C-alpha atoms as a PDB file:
ATOM      1  CA  MET A   1      -3.088   2.039  20.512  1.00  0.00           C
ATOM      2  CA  PRO A   2      -3.383   4.525  17.636  1.00  0.00           C
ATOM      3  CA  GLU A   3      -6.402   2.858  16.029  1.00  0.00           C
ATOM      4  CA  ILE A   4      -8.717   5.385  14.399  1.00  0.00           C
ATOM      5  CA  ARG A   5     -12.112   5.400  12.695  1.00  0.00           C
ATOM      6  CA  LEU A   6     -12.472   5.160   8.929  1.00  0.00           C
ATOM      7  CA  ALA A   7     -13.623   8.788   8.690  1.00  0.00           C
ATOM      8  CA  GLU A   8     -10.446   9.880  10.493  1.00  0.00           C
ATOM      9  CA  TRP A   9      -8.411   7.621   8.227  1.00  0.00           C
ATOM     10  CA  GLU A  10      -9.813   9.280   5.118  1.00  0.00           C
ATOM     11  CA  GLU A  11      -8.856  12.635   6.621  1.00  0.00           C
ATOM     12  CA  PHE A  12      -5.313  11.321   7.149  1.00  0.00           C
ATOM     13  CA  LEU A  13      -5.183  10.258   3.498  1.00  0.00           C
ATOM     14  CA  ARG A  14      -5.700  13.853   2.382  1.00  0.00           C
ATOM     15  CA  LEU A  15      -1.969  14.227   3.035  1.00  0.00           C
ATOM     16  CA  SER A  16      -1.303  11.392   0.548  1.00  0.00           C
ATOM     17  CA  PRO A  17      -3.481  12.033  -2.524  1.00  0.00           C
ATOM     18  CA  ASP A  18      -1.677   9.306  -4.478  1.00  0.00           C
ATOM     19  CA  ALA A  19      -2.271   6.584  -1.891  1.00  0.00           C
ATOM     20  CA  HIS A  20      -3.469   3.356  -3.465  1.00  0.00           C
ATOM     21  CA  LEU A  21      -7.204   2.838  -3.844  1.00  0.00           C
ATOM     22  CA  LEU A  22      -6.968  -0.307  -1.691  1.00  0.00           C
ATOM     23  CA  GLN A  23      -5.892   1.850   1.249  1.00  0.00           C
ATOM     24  CA  THR A  24      -8.937   4.120   1.166  1.00  0.00           C
ATOM     25  CA  ALA A  25     -11.720   4.267   3.727  1.00  0.00           C
ATOM     26  CA  ALA A  26     -14.167   3.254   0.987  1.00  0.00           C
ATOM     27  CA  TRP A  27     -12.214   0.041   0.422  1.00  0.00           C
ATOM     28  CA  GLY A  28     -12.268  -0.597   4.168  1.00  0.00           C
ATOM     29  CA  GLU A  29     -16.037  -0.078   4.225  1.00  0.00           C
ATOM     30  CA  LEU A  30     -16.458  -2.397   1.258  1.00  0.00           C
ATOM     31  CA  LYS A  31     -14.465  -5.221   2.806  1.00  0.00           C
ATOM     32  CA  GLY A  32     -16.262  -4.608   6.109  1.00  0.00           C
ATOM     33  CA  GLU A  33     -19.541  -5.496   4.398  1.00  0.00           C
ATOM     34  CA  PHE A  34     -18.105  -8.825   3.242  1.00  0.00           C
ATOM     35  CA  GLY A  35     -16.481 -10.479   6.207  1.00  0.00           C
ATOM     36  CA  TRP A  36     -13.460  -8.321   7.016  1.00  0.00           C
ATOM     37  CA  LYS A  37     -12.835  -5.840   9.830  1.00  0.00           C
ATOM     38  CA  ALA A  38     -11.127  -2.612   8.797  1.00  0.00           C
ATOM     39  CA  CYS A  39      -8.672  -1.182  11.304  1.00  0.00           C
ATOM     40  CA  PRO A  40      -6.708   1.950  10.325  1.00  0.00           C
ATOM     41  CA  VAL A  41      -3.561   2.544  12.370  1.00  0.00           C
ATOM     42  CA  VAL A  42      -1.629   5.814  12.370  1.00  0.00           C
ATOM     43  CA  ARG A  43       1.608   6.781  14.035  1.00  0.00           C
ATOM     44  CA  GLY A  44       2.828  10.267  13.185  1.00  0.00           C
ATOM     45  CA  ASP A  45       2.951  10.697   9.411  1.00  0.00           C
ATOM     46  CA  LEU A  46       2.745   6.965   8.673  1.00  0.00           C
ATOM     47  CA  GLY A  47      -0.432   4.886   8.588  1.00  0.00           C
ATOM     48  CA  ALA A  48      -2.035   1.774   7.189  1.00  0.00           C
ATOM     49  CA  LEU A  49      -5.471   0.343   6.632  1.00  0.00           C
ATOM     50  CA  ILE A  50      -5.275  -3.152   8.123  1.00  0.00           C
ATOM     51  CA  LEU A  51      -7.975  -5.636   7.180  1.00  0.00           C
ATOM     52  CA  PHE A  52      -8.602  -8.524   9.572  1.00  0.00           C
ATOM     53  CA  ARG A  53     -10.296 -11.745   8.551  1.00  0.00           C
ATOM     54  CA  GLY A  54     -11.746 -13.925  11.262  1.00  0.00           C
ATOM     55  CA  LEU A  55     -10.613 -17.527  11.704  1.00  0.00           C
ATOM     56  CA  PRO A  56     -11.982 -20.301  13.948  1.00  0.00           C
ATOM     57  CA  LEU A  57     -11.356 -20.200  17.717  1.00  0.00           C
ATOM     58  CA  GLY A  58     -11.298 -16.415  17.842  1.00  0.00           C
ATOM     59  CA  LEU A  59      -8.175 -16.166  15.689  1.00  0.00           C
ATOM     60  CA  SER A  60      -7.624 -13.927  12.673  1.00  0.00           C
ATOM     61  CA  PHE A  61      -5.101 -12.902  10.082  1.00  0.00           C
ATOM     62  CA  GLY A  62      -4.231  -9.355   9.090  1.00  0.00           C
ATOM     63  CA  TYR A  63      -3.649  -7.863   5.676  1.00  0.00           C
ATOM     64  CA  ILE A  64      -2.293  -4.496   4.521  1.00  0.00           C
ATOM     65  CA  PRO A  65      -3.109  -4.116   0.797  1.00  0.00           C
ATOM     66  CA  ARG A  66      -0.770  -1.758  -1.073  1.00  0.00           C
ATOM     67  CA  GLY A  67       0.353   0.100   2.025  1.00  0.00           C
ATOM     68  CA  PRO A  68       1.454   1.560   4.407  1.00  0.00           C
ATOM     69  CA  VAL A  69       0.863   5.171   3.417  1.00  0.00           C
ATOM     70  CA  GLY A  70       3.030   8.167   4.244  1.00  0.00           C
ATOM     71  CA  CYS A  71       6.644   8.850   5.005  1.00  0.00           C
ATOM     72  CA  ALA A  72       8.652   8.663   8.216  1.00  0.00           C
ATOM     73  CA  ASP A  73      12.231   8.369   9.385  1.00  0.00           C
ATOM     74  CA  GLU A  74      13.699   5.091  10.592  1.00  0.00           C
ATOM     75  CA  GLN A  75      12.793   5.624  14.238  1.00  0.00           C
ATOM     76  CA  GLU A  76       9.185   6.586  13.452  1.00  0.00           C
ATOM     77  CA  GLN A  77       8.842   3.550  11.192  1.00  0.00           C
ATOM     78  CA  ARG A  78       9.999   1.291  14.028  1.00  0.00           C
ATOM     79  CA  GLN A  79       7.418   2.867  16.325  1.00  0.00           C
ATOM     80  CA  PHE A  80       4.732   2.429  13.696  1.00  0.00           C
ATOM     81  CA  TRP A  81       5.467  -1.280  13.234  1.00  0.00           C
ATOM     82  CA  THR A  82       5.498  -1.756  16.994  1.00  0.00           C
ATOM     83  CA  GLU A  83       1.975  -0.327  17.083  1.00  0.00           C
ATOM     84  CA  VAL A  84       0.941  -2.584  14.210  1.00  0.00           C
ATOM     85  CA  ASP A  85       2.265  -5.620  16.070  1.00  0.00           C
ATOM     86  CA  ALA A  86       0.268  -4.627  19.142  1.00  0.00           C
ATOM     87  CA  VAL A  87      -2.945  -4.273  17.113  1.00  0.00           C
ATOM     88  CA  CYS A  88      -2.405  -7.635  15.443  1.00  0.00           C
ATOM     89  CA  ARG A  89      -1.729  -9.399  18.734  1.00  0.00           C
ATOM     90  CA  SER A  90      -4.813  -7.809  20.296  1.00  0.00           C
ATOM     91  CA  ARG A  91      -6.853  -9.461  17.538  1.00  0.00           C
ATOM     92  CA  ALA A  92      -5.168 -12.855  17.953  1.00  0.00           C
ATOM     93  CA  ALA A  93      -3.664 -12.662  14.476  1.00  0.00           C
ATOM     94  CA  VAL A  94      -1.803 -15.734  13.285  1.00  0.00           C
ATOM     95  CA  PHE A  95       0.140 -13.554  10.857  1.00  0.00           C
ATOM     96  CA  LEU A  96       0.074 -10.199   9.060  1.00  0.00           C
ATOM     97  CA  LYS A  97       0.462 -10.036   5.291  1.00  0.00           C
ATOM     98  CA  VAL A  98       1.774  -6.844   3.691  1.00  0.00           C
ATOM     99  CA  GLU A  99       1.776  -6.020  -0.019  1.00  0.00           C
ATOM    100  CA  LEU A 100       3.696  -2.779  -0.461  1.00  0.00           C
ATOM    101  CA  ASP A 101       2.693  -0.111  -2.957  1.00  0.00           C
ATOM    102  CA  THR A 102       6.122  -0.202  -4.593  1.00  0.00           C
ATOM    103  CA  TRP A 103       7.347  -1.468  -7.952  1.00  0.00           C
ATOM    104  CA  LYS A 104      10.269  -3.878  -7.859  1.00  0.00           C
ATOM    105  CA  GLY A 105      13.510  -2.021  -8.411  1.00  0.00           C
ATOM    106  CA  ASP A 106      12.112   1.358  -7.348  1.00  0.00           C
ATOM    107  CA  PRO A 107      13.194   2.973  -4.077  1.00  0.00           C
ATOM    108  CA  SER A 108      10.654   2.506  -1.298  1.00  0.00           C
ATOM    109  CA  PRO A 109       9.976   4.952   1.538  1.00  0.00           C
ATOM    110  CA  ILE A 110       8.810   1.995   3.654  1.00  0.00           C
ATOM    111  CA  GLN A 111      11.258  -0.405   5.249  1.00  0.00           C
ATOM    112  CA  LEU A 112       9.787  -3.633   6.573  1.00  0.00           C
ATOM    113  CA  PRO A 113      11.258  -4.946   9.838  1.00  0.00           C
ATOM    114  CA  GLU A 114      13.428  -8.064   9.675  1.00  0.00           C
ATOM    115  CA  ALA A 115      10.570 -10.051  11.200  1.00  0.00           C
ATOM    116  CA  PHE A 116       8.810  -9.943   7.819  1.00  0.00           C
ATOM    117  CA  LYS A 117       9.663 -12.791   5.453  1.00  0.00           C
ATOM    118  CA  PRO A 118       8.711 -13.326   1.794  1.00  0.00           C
ATOM    119  CA  SER A 119       5.268 -14.907   1.578  1.00  0.00           C
ATOM    120  CA  PRO A 120       4.351 -17.930  -0.565  1.00  0.00           C
ATOM    121  CA  HIS A 121       1.016 -16.335  -1.392  1.00  0.00           C
ATOM    122  CA  GLU A 122      -0.053 -12.997  -2.844  1.00  0.00           C
ATOM    123  CA  ILE A 123      -3.629 -11.753  -2.580  1.00  0.00           C
ATOM    124  CA  GLN A 124      -3.418  -9.089  -5.307  1.00  0.00           C
ATOM    125  CA  PRO A 125      -1.799  -9.892  -8.666  1.00  0.00           C
ATOM    126  CA  PRO A 126       1.861  -8.867  -8.325  1.00  0.00           C
ATOM    127  CA  ARG A 127       2.502  -8.239 -12.032  1.00  0.00           C
ATOM    128  CA  THR A 128       0.607  -5.838 -14.244  1.00  0.00           C
ATOM    129  CA  LEU A 129       0.744  -3.536 -17.242  1.00  0.00           C
ATOM    130  CA  VAL A 130       0.629   0.225 -16.640  1.00  0.00           C
ATOM    131  CA  VAL A 131      -0.384   2.498 -19.510  1.00  0.00           C
ATOM    132  CA  ASP A 132       1.214   5.953 -19.679  1.00  0.00           C
ATOM    133  CA  LEU A 133      -1.577   8.518 -20.112  1.00  0.00           C
ATOM    134  CA  ARG A 134       0.722  11.498 -20.624  1.00  0.00           C
ATOM    135  CA  GLY A 135       0.827  13.408 -23.886  1.00  0.00           C
ATOM    136  CA  SER A 136      -1.960  13.790 -26.409  1.00  0.00           C
ATOM    137  CA  GLU A 137      -4.532  11.162 -27.248  1.00  0.00           C
ATOM    138  CA  GLU A 138      -2.625  10.497 -30.458  1.00  0.00           C
ATOM    139  CA  ASP A 139       0.543   9.979 -28.386  1.00  0.00           C
ATOM    140  CA  ILE A 140      -1.226   7.357 -26.253  1.00  0.00           C
ATOM    141  CA  LEU A 141      -2.716   5.612 -29.281  1.00  0.00           C
ATOM    142  CA  GLY A 142       0.693   5.705 -30.938  1.00  0.00           C
ATOM    143  CA  ARG A 143       2.192   3.697 -28.073  1.00  0.00           C
ATOM    144  CA  MET A 144      -0.377   0.922 -28.549  1.00  0.00           C
ATOM    145  CA  LYS A 145      -0.002  -2.100 -30.810  1.00  0.00           C
ATOM    146  CA  GLN A 146      -1.205  -1.412 -34.337  1.00  0.00           C
ATOM    147  CA  LYS A 147      -3.918  -4.084 -34.085  1.00  0.00           C
ATOM    148  CA  THR A 148      -5.317  -2.529 -30.902  1.00  0.00           C
ATOM    149  CA  ARG A 149      -5.520   0.927 -32.513  1.00  0.00           C
ATOM    150  CA  TYR A 150      -7.272  -0.693 -35.451  1.00  0.00           C
ATOM    151  CA  ASN A 151      -9.785  -2.463 -33.185  1.00  0.00           C
ATOM    152  CA  ILE A 152     -10.600   0.756 -31.302  1.00  0.00           C
ATOM    153  CA  ARG A 153     -11.355   2.545 -34.561  1.00  0.00           C
ATOM    154  CA  LEU A 154     -13.180  -0.486 -35.947  1.00  0.00           C
ATOM    155  CA  ALA A 155     -15.551  -0.451 -32.951  1.00  0.00           C
ATOM    156  CA  GLN A 156     -16.290   3.205 -33.593  1.00  0.00           C
ATOM    157  CA  LYS A 157     -16.928   2.584 -37.295  1.00  0.00           C
ATOM    158  CA  LYS A 158     -19.166  -0.396 -36.536  1.00  0.00           C
ATOM    159  CA  GLY A 159     -21.501   1.670 -34.378  1.00  0.00           C
ATOM    160  CA  VAL A 160     -20.342   0.738 -30.869  1.00  0.00           C
ATOM    161  CA  SER A 161     -20.936   3.479 -28.290  1.00  0.00           C
ATOM    162  CA  VAL A 162     -19.771   3.785 -24.690  1.00  0.00           C
ATOM    163  CA  ARG A 163     -21.726   5.478 -21.917  1.00  0.00           C
ATOM    164  CA  ALA A 164     -21.601   5.816 -18.150  1.00  0.00           C
ATOM    165  CA  SER A 165     -24.278   3.782 -16.379  1.00  0.00           C
ATOM    166  CA  ASP A 166     -25.503   2.782 -12.942  1.00  0.00           C
ATOM    167  CA  ASP A 167     -27.019  -0.504 -14.152  1.00  0.00           C
ATOM    168  CA  ILE A 168     -25.081  -2.844 -11.866  1.00  0.00           C
ATOM    169  CA  ALA A 169     -27.457  -5.730 -12.565  1.00  0.00           C
ATOM    170  CA  CYS A 170     -26.579  -5.522 -16.256  1.00  0.00           C
ATOM    171  CA  PHE A 171     -22.872  -5.431 -15.429  1.00  0.00           C
ATOM    172  CA  HIS A 172     -23.203  -8.424 -13.111  1.00  0.00           C
ATOM    173  CA  SER A 173     -24.976 -10.367 -15.847  1.00  0.00           C
ATOM    174  CA  LEU A 174     -22.037  -9.652 -18.164  1.00  0.00           C
ATOM    175  CA  MET A 175     -19.623 -10.723 -15.420  1.00  0.00           C
ATOM    176  CA  VAL A 176     -21.444 -14.037 -14.982  1.00  0.00           C
ATOM    177  CA  GLN A 177     -21.273 -14.691 -18.730  1.00  0.00           C
ATOM    178  CA  THR A 178     -17.559 -13.892 -18.761  1.00  0.00           C
ATOM    179  CA  GLY A 179     -16.838 -16.021 -15.701  1.00  0.00           C
ATOM    180  CA  ASP A 180     -18.641 -19.002 -17.228  1.00  0.00           C
ATOM    181  CA  ARG A 181     -16.790 -18.563 -20.512  1.00  0.00           C
ATOM    182  CA  ASP A 182     -13.306 -17.968 -19.096  1.00  0.00           C
ATOM    183  CA  GLN A 183     -13.696 -20.129 -15.980  1.00  0.00           C
ATOM    184  CA  PHE A 184     -13.048 -17.654 -13.171  1.00  0.00           C
ATOM    185  CA  GLY A 185     -14.993 -16.767 -10.063  1.00  0.00           C
ATOM    186  CA  VAL A 186     -17.376 -13.819 -10.036  1.00  0.00           C
ATOM    187  CA  HIS A 187     -18.475 -11.713  -7.067  1.00  0.00           C
ATOM    188  CA  SER A 188     -22.129 -11.495  -6.115  1.00  0.00           C
ATOM    189  CA  LEU A 189     -24.445  -8.803  -7.418  1.00  0.00           C
ATOM    190  CA  GLU A 190     -24.457  -7.331  -3.907  1.00  0.00           C
ATOM    191  CA  TYR A 191     -20.674  -6.999  -3.989  1.00  0.00           C
ATOM    192  CA  TYR A 192     -20.610  -5.001  -7.226  1.00  0.00           C
ATOM    193  CA  GLN A 193     -23.491  -2.881  -5.967  1.00  0.00           C
ATOM    194  CA  ALA A 194     -21.493  -2.067  -2.830  1.00  0.00           C
ATOM    195  CA  VAL A 195     -18.342  -1.295  -4.832  1.00  0.00           C
ATOM    196  CA  TYR A 196     -20.221   1.115  -7.067  1.00  0.00           C
ATOM    197  CA  ARG A 197     -22.137   2.741  -4.211  1.00  0.00           C
ATOM    198  CA  LEU A 198     -19.058   3.399  -2.082  1.00  0.00           C
ATOM    199  CA  PHE A 199     -16.691   4.612  -4.782  1.00  0.00           C
ATOM    200  CA  GLU A 200     -19.184   6.462  -6.958  1.00  0.00           C
ATOM    201  CA  GLN A 201     -20.324   8.541  -3.982  1.00  0.00           C
ATOM    202  CA  SER A 202     -16.698   9.456  -3.265  1.00  0.00           C
ATOM    203  CA  GLY A 203     -16.239  10.440  -6.914  1.00  0.00           C
ATOM    204  CA  GLU A 204     -13.612   7.786  -7.620  1.00  0.00           C
ATOM    205  CA  CYS A 205     -15.400   5.299  -9.856  1.00  0.00           C
ATOM    206  CA  ALA A 206     -17.510   4.940 -12.993  1.00  0.00           C
ATOM    207  CA  LEU A 207     -19.277   2.033 -14.640  1.00  0.00           C
ATOM    208  CA  LEU A 208     -18.943   2.156 -18.424  1.00  0.00           C
ATOM    209  CA  LEU A 209     -21.024   0.061 -20.812  1.00  0.00           C
ATOM    210  CA  ALA A 210     -20.249  -0.539 -24.480  1.00  0.00           C
ATOM    211  CA  GLU A 211     -23.412  -0.952 -26.543  1.00  0.00           C
ATOM    212  CA  TYR A 212     -24.570  -1.590 -30.075  1.00  0.00           C
ATOM    213  CA  ALA A 213     -28.129  -0.738 -31.115  1.00  0.00           C
ATOM    214  CA  GLY A 214     -29.043  -0.436 -27.438  1.00  0.00           C
ATOM    215  CA  GLN A 215     -27.675  -3.886 -26.536  1.00  0.00           C
ATOM    216  CA  PRO A 216     -24.978  -3.983 -23.817  1.00  0.00           C
ATOM    217  CA  LEU A 217     -21.951  -5.863 -25.135  1.00  0.00           C
ATOM    218  CA  ALA A 218     -19.254  -5.177 -22.520  1.00  0.00           C
ATOM    219  CA  GLY A 219     -18.727  -3.289 -19.297  1.00  0.00           C
ATOM    220  CA  LEU A 220     -16.011  -2.246 -16.917  1.00  0.00           C
ATOM    221  CA  MET A 221     -15.522  -0.380 -13.663  1.00  0.00           C
ATOM    222  CA  VAL A 222     -12.738   2.180 -13.739  1.00  0.00           C
ATOM    223  CA  PHE A 223     -11.381   3.726 -10.541  1.00  0.00           C
ATOM    224  CA  TRP A 224      -9.154   6.745 -10.045  1.00  0.00           C
ATOM    225  CA  ARG A 225      -7.360   8.476  -7.207  1.00  0.00           C
ATOM    226  CA  GLY A 226      -4.694  11.132  -7.460  1.00  0.00           C
ATOM    227  CA  SER A 227      -2.541  10.507 -10.521  1.00  0.00           C
ATOM    228  CA  ARG A 228      -3.494   6.847 -10.933  1.00  0.00           C
ATOM    229  CA  ALA A 229      -6.400   4.892 -12.385  1.00  0.00           C
ATOM    230  CA  TRP A 230      -7.180   1.178 -12.168  1.00  0.00           C
ATOM    231  CA  TYR A 231      -9.180  -1.328 -14.182  1.00  0.00           C
ATOM    232  CA  PHE A 232     -10.363  -3.883 -11.602  1.00  0.00           C
ATOM    233  CA  TYR A 233     -13.500  -5.442 -13.095  1.00  0.00           C
ATOM    234  CA  GLY A 234     -14.464  -6.024 -16.698  1.00  0.00           C
ATOM    235  CA  ALA A 235     -16.777  -8.293 -18.684  1.00  0.00           C
ATOM    236  CA  SER A 236     -18.172  -8.944 -22.133  1.00  0.00           C
ATOM    237  CA  SER A 237     -20.900 -10.996 -23.759  1.00  0.00           C
ATOM    238  CA  GLU A 238     -20.613 -13.354 -26.731  1.00  0.00           C
ATOM    239  CA  ALA A 239     -22.806 -11.085 -28.836  1.00  0.00           C
ATOM    240  CA  GLU A 240     -21.324  -8.902 -31.595  1.00  0.00           C
ATOM    241  CA  ARG A 241     -17.724  -9.680 -30.660  1.00  0.00           C
ATOM    242  CA  ASN A 242     -16.656  -8.842 -34.213  1.00  0.00           C
ATOM    243  CA  ARG A 243     -17.428  -5.198 -33.368  1.00  0.00           C
ATOM    244  CA  MET A 244     -14.559  -5.172 -30.817  1.00  0.00           C
ATOM    245  CA  PRO A 245     -16.496  -3.400 -28.034  1.00  0.00           C
ATOM    246  CA  ALA A 246     -13.952  -4.206 -25.291  1.00  0.00           C
ATOM    247  CA  TYR A 247     -11.219  -2.239 -27.077  1.00  0.00           C
ATOM    248  CA  LEU A 248     -13.248   0.925 -27.378  1.00  0.00           C
ATOM    249  CA  LEU A 249     -14.430   0.457 -23.791  1.00  0.00           C
ATOM    250  CA  GLN A 250     -10.853   0.458 -22.474  1.00  0.00           C
ATOM    251  CA  TRP A 251      -9.971   3.482 -24.559  1.00  0.00           C
ATOM    252  CA  GLU A 252     -12.918   5.448 -23.200  1.00  0.00           C
ATOM    253  CA  ALA A 253     -11.948   4.430 -19.652  1.00  0.00           C
ATOM    254  CA  MET A 254      -8.466   5.814 -20.277  1.00  0.00           C
ATOM    255  CA  ARG A 255      -9.911   9.039 -21.643  1.00  0.00           C
ATOM    256  CA  LEU A 256     -12.099   9.360 -18.553  1.00  0.00           C
ATOM    257  CA  ALA A 257      -9.109   8.748 -16.295  1.00  0.00           C
ATOM    258  CA  ARG A 258      -7.253  11.561 -18.069  1.00  0.00           C
ATOM    259  CA  GLU A 259     -10.194  13.889 -17.428  1.00  0.00           C
ATOM    260  CA  HIS A 260      -9.706  13.196 -13.716  1.00  0.00           C
ATOM    261  CA  GLY A 261      -6.032  14.119 -13.851  1.00  0.00           C
ATOM    262  CA  CYS A 262      -4.546  10.625 -14.019  1.00  0.00           C
ATOM    263  CA  VAL A 263      -1.229  10.034 -15.757  1.00  0.00           C
ATOM    264  CA  GLU A 264      -1.217   6.235 -15.582  1.00  0.00           C
ATOM    265  CA  TYR A 265      -3.777   3.463 -16.026  1.00  0.00           C
ATOM    266  CA  ASP A 266      -3.171   0.139 -14.295  1.00  0.00           C
ATOM    267  CA  LEU A 267      -4.616  -2.810 -16.226  1.00  0.00           C
ATOM    268  CA  TRP A 268      -4.400  -4.871 -13.021  1.00  0.00           C
ATOM    269  CA  GLY A 269      -3.123  -8.351 -13.458  1.00  0.00           C
ATOM    270  CA  VAL A 270      -1.157 -10.398 -15.988  1.00  0.00           C
ATOM    271  CA  PRO A 271       0.683 -13.725 -15.604  1.00  0.00           C
ATOM    272  CA  ASP A 272       3.509 -13.488 -13.101  1.00  0.00           C
ATOM    273  CA  THR A 273       6.409 -14.198 -15.402  1.00  0.00           C
ATOM    274  CA  ASP A 274       9.035 -12.187 -17.266  1.00  0.00           C
ATOM    275  CA  GLU A 275       8.361 -10.290 -20.470  1.00  0.00           C
ATOM    276  CA  GLU A 276      10.300 -12.692 -22.677  1.00  0.00           C
ATOM    277  CA  SER A 277       8.185 -15.621 -21.474  1.00  0.00           C
ATOM    278  CA  LEU A 278       4.986 -13.614 -21.812  1.00  0.00           C
ATOM    279  CA  GLU A 279       5.726 -12.668 -25.391  1.00  0.00           C
ATOM    280  CA  SER A 280       6.809 -16.158 -26.411  1.00  0.00           C
ATOM    281  CA  GLN A 281       3.827 -17.953 -24.886  1.00  0.00           C
ATOM    282  CA  PHE A 282       0.776 -15.671 -25.045  1.00  0.00           C
ATOM    283  CA  GLN A 283      -0.383 -17.011 -28.424  1.00  0.00           C
ATOM    284  CA  THR A 284      -0.478 -20.618 -27.231  1.00  0.00           C
ATOM    285  CA  ARG A 285      -1.702 -20.295 -23.640  1.00  0.00           C
ATOM    286  CA  SER A 286      -5.144 -19.313 -22.362  1.00  0.00           C
ATOM    287  CA  ASP A 287      -5.079 -20.585 -18.759  1.00  0.00           C
ATOM    288  CA  GLY A 288      -5.220 -18.236 -15.774  1.00  0.00           C
ATOM    289  CA  LEU A 289      -4.376 -14.668 -16.735  1.00  0.00           C
ATOM    290  CA  TRP A 290      -2.870 -15.625 -20.090  1.00  0.00           C
ATOM    291  CA  GLY A 291      -6.069 -14.930 -21.959  1.00  0.00           C
ATOM    292  CA  VAL A 292      -6.343 -11.407 -20.606  1.00  0.00           C
ATOM    293  CA  TYR A 293      -2.643 -10.749 -21.272  1.00  0.00           C
ATOM    294  CA  ARG A 294      -3.266 -11.317 -24.969  1.00  0.00           C
ATOM    295  CA  PHE A 295      -5.845  -8.510 -24.803  1.00  0.00           C
ATOM    296  CA  LYS A 296      -4.073  -6.165 -22.396  1.00  0.00           C
ATOM    297  CA  ARG A 297      -0.643  -6.201 -24.056  1.00  0.00           C
ATOM    298  CA  GLY A 298      -2.015  -4.315 -27.035  1.00  0.00           C
ATOM    299  CA  PHE A 299      -2.576  -1.107 -25.063  1.00  0.00           C
ATOM    300  CA  GLY A 300       1.145  -0.396 -24.828  1.00  0.00           C
ATOM    301  CA  GLY A 301       1.549  -0.577 -21.066  1.00  0.00           C
ATOM    302  CA  ALA A 302       4.853  -1.065 -19.289  1.00  0.00           C
ATOM    303  CA  LEU A 303       5.261  -4.432 -17.556  1.00  0.00           C
ATOM    304  CA  LYS A 304       5.741  -3.895 -13.825  1.00  0.00           C
ATOM    305  CA  ARG A 305       5.925  -6.094 -10.743  1.00  0.00           C
ATOM    306  CA  THR A 306       5.492  -5.263  -7.086  1.00  0.00           C
ATOM    307  CA  GLU A 307       7.852  -6.520  -4.394  1.00  0.00           C
ATOM    308  CA  GLY A 308       5.304  -9.254  -3.711  1.00  0.00           C
ATOM    309  CA  ALA A 309       3.830 -10.212  -0.357  1.00  0.00           C
ATOM    310  CA  TRP A 310       5.569 -10.338   3.033  1.00  0.00           C
ATOM    311  CA  ASP A 311       4.356 -12.094   6.167  1.00  0.00           C
ATOM    312  CA  ARG A 312       4.921 -11.241   9.825  1.00  0.00           C
ATOM    313  CA  VAL A 313       4.271 -14.385  11.884  1.00  0.00           C
ATOM    314  CA  TYR A 314       2.808 -14.241  15.385  1.00  0.00           C
ATOM    315  CA  GLN A 315       1.804 -17.897  15.836  1.00  0.00           C
ATOM    316  CA  PRO A 316       4.352 -20.115  14.049  1.00  0.00           C
ATOM    317  CA  VAL A 317       2.588 -23.460  14.437  1.00  0.00           C
ATOM    318  CA  LEU A 318      -0.672 -22.204  12.947  1.00  0.00           C
ATOM    319  CA  TYR A 319       1.206 -20.289  10.273  1.00  0.00           C
ATOM    320  CA  GLY A 320       2.823 -23.567   9.281  1.00  0.00           C
ATOM    321  CA  VAL A 321      -0.655 -24.971   8.683  1.00  0.00           C
ATOM    322  CA  TYR A 322      -1.449 -21.973   6.479  1.00  0.00           C
ATOM    323  CA  ARG A 323       1.702 -22.513   4.404  1.00  0.00           C
ATOM    324  CA  ARG A 324       0.853 -26.155   3.849  1.00  0.00           C
ATOM    325  CA  VAL A 325      -2.671 -25.203   2.735  1.00  0.00           C
ATOM    326  CA  VAL A 326      -1.348 -22.537   0.345  1.00  0.00           C
ATOM    327  CA  LYS A 327       1.212 -24.951  -1.074  1.00  0.00           C
ATOM    328  CA  GLY A 328      -1.740 -27.174  -1.812  1.00  0.00           C
END
């Protein structure tokens, strides 16, 4: 089987500089520290980082986040998926979930075999807003909502500053405050420490803190690879919210992404509904991702959706149990 080590996988990715961050060796190492087993598989010019999660009785399920990576003709793709099936069966996988790195409506170089069926459950948020970083800074600001431009400049006038930091404990404290306020789960301090360690050493991540008079008010981790940047984790305190630190923080993250050659900035996750519904409901809803949509929409990003998740079933009876659990 064409399973390779993570170091070899990162070498393979040099041929695909725009591969998604969730397909990198660093992401595989990160998930490996928190209960997953990373297994890169390559066949010719096509490869994928498969993450396996253990289940009781020696079973597992597999997951390809925002992959596969590369390009191959129809025959090579069939051979690749045959190898993937063999790897999954060798690990007693109940099913394999794939979330392609393709926007809905765009042509995809990857064709899933007929054995894959639409999944009832996505792991990553399928819908997002992507900010165009091309043009001048004034061009980018000009594409934002007027209120967002105003808040960015207000933060500057009110003495908010943004700096790069390695104070993960401070960031985690902000995350805990945000999670308590907005009622969402927060990773452990150890998780954020591992994220920063793995991606900062590969030169693909920065932690930014927005401060006023030396007091941290908000923080975010920005990631970049190739032409793309992502905002995965962000937090803010209740203090000095009238100074709008989160707006300036996002703007500085975008400026940093541009310095690293990125042309788009993925705000990573909004409610999974159409634009008309989003715009008609965002002022009255705050559940789930609605609260963050109200904030993120102001940065002028284009609403995009992936093709969603697809499942390849190896053990139908046990997969049926999974579907019932997901359905709730």
